Protein backbone atom coordinates (compact mmCIF):
# COMPACT_ATOMS: atom_id res chain seq x y z
CA MET A 1 0.00 0.00 0.00
CA SER A 2 1.45 3.32 -1.00
CA LEU A 3 0.94 6.05 1.55
CA ALA A 4 2.02 8.60 -1.07
CA SER A 5 -1.15 8.18 -3.15
CA SER A 6 -3.76 10.91 -2.98
CA GLY A 7 -6.75 8.54 -2.86
CA LYS A 8 -8.07 6.81 0.21
CA HIS A 9 -7.50 3.13 0.85
CA VAL A 10 -10.49 1.03 1.88
CA ARG A 11 -10.43 -2.43 3.41
CA GLN A 12 -6.66 -2.68 3.60
CA LEU A 13 -5.15 -5.62 5.44
CA ILE A 14 -1.75 -4.87 6.91
CA PRO A 15 -0.14 -7.94 8.53
CA ILE A 16 1.66 -7.04 11.76
CA GLY A 17 3.02 -10.40 12.88
CA SER A 18 2.32 -14.05 13.48
CA TRP A 19 2.40 -15.96 16.74
CA PRO A 20 1.53 -19.61 17.48
CA THR A 21 -0.52 -18.77 20.60
CA ALA A 22 -2.71 -15.93 21.81
CA ARG A 23 -0.95 -12.90 23.25
CA SER A 24 -2.09 -9.89 25.20
CA GLY A 25 -0.70 -6.39 25.32
CA THR A 26 -0.98 -3.01 23.70
CA LEU A 27 -0.83 -2.27 19.99
CA LYS A 28 0.54 1.17 19.18
CA VAL A 29 -0.33 2.65 15.78
CA VAL A 30 1.98 5.47 14.68
CA VAL A 31 1.50 7.68 11.64
CA ALA A 32 4.99 7.96 10.16
CA ALA A 33 4.40 10.85 7.76
CA ALA A 34 2.84 14.28 7.95
CA GLY A 35 -0.11 15.10 5.75
CA GLY A 36 -3.82 14.47 5.83
CA PRO A 37 -5.72 12.79 8.64
CA VAL A 38 -5.63 9.04 9.17
CA HIS A 39 -8.87 7.26 10.09
CA ILE A 40 -8.78 3.72 11.46
CA GLU A 41 -12.28 2.28 11.50
CA GLY A 42 -11.46 -1.15 12.85
CA LEU A 43 -8.80 -3.51 14.06
CA CYS A 44 -8.90 -7.29 14.08
CA ALA A 45 -6.52 -9.87 15.52
CA SER A 46 -6.65 -13.64 15.23
CA VAL A 47 -4.58 -16.66 16.20
CA SER A 48 -3.97 -19.10 13.38
């Protein structure tokens, strides 16, 4: 996914990691570039 594009991205899946068992903790989302606003409408985690 290119963050440089001017259009909005819908239904993007961004893998963050894979673990064999469930984990707990805090997920920190950081916007790494200045520009327009970032809207996160949902977050999902699963153990596979």
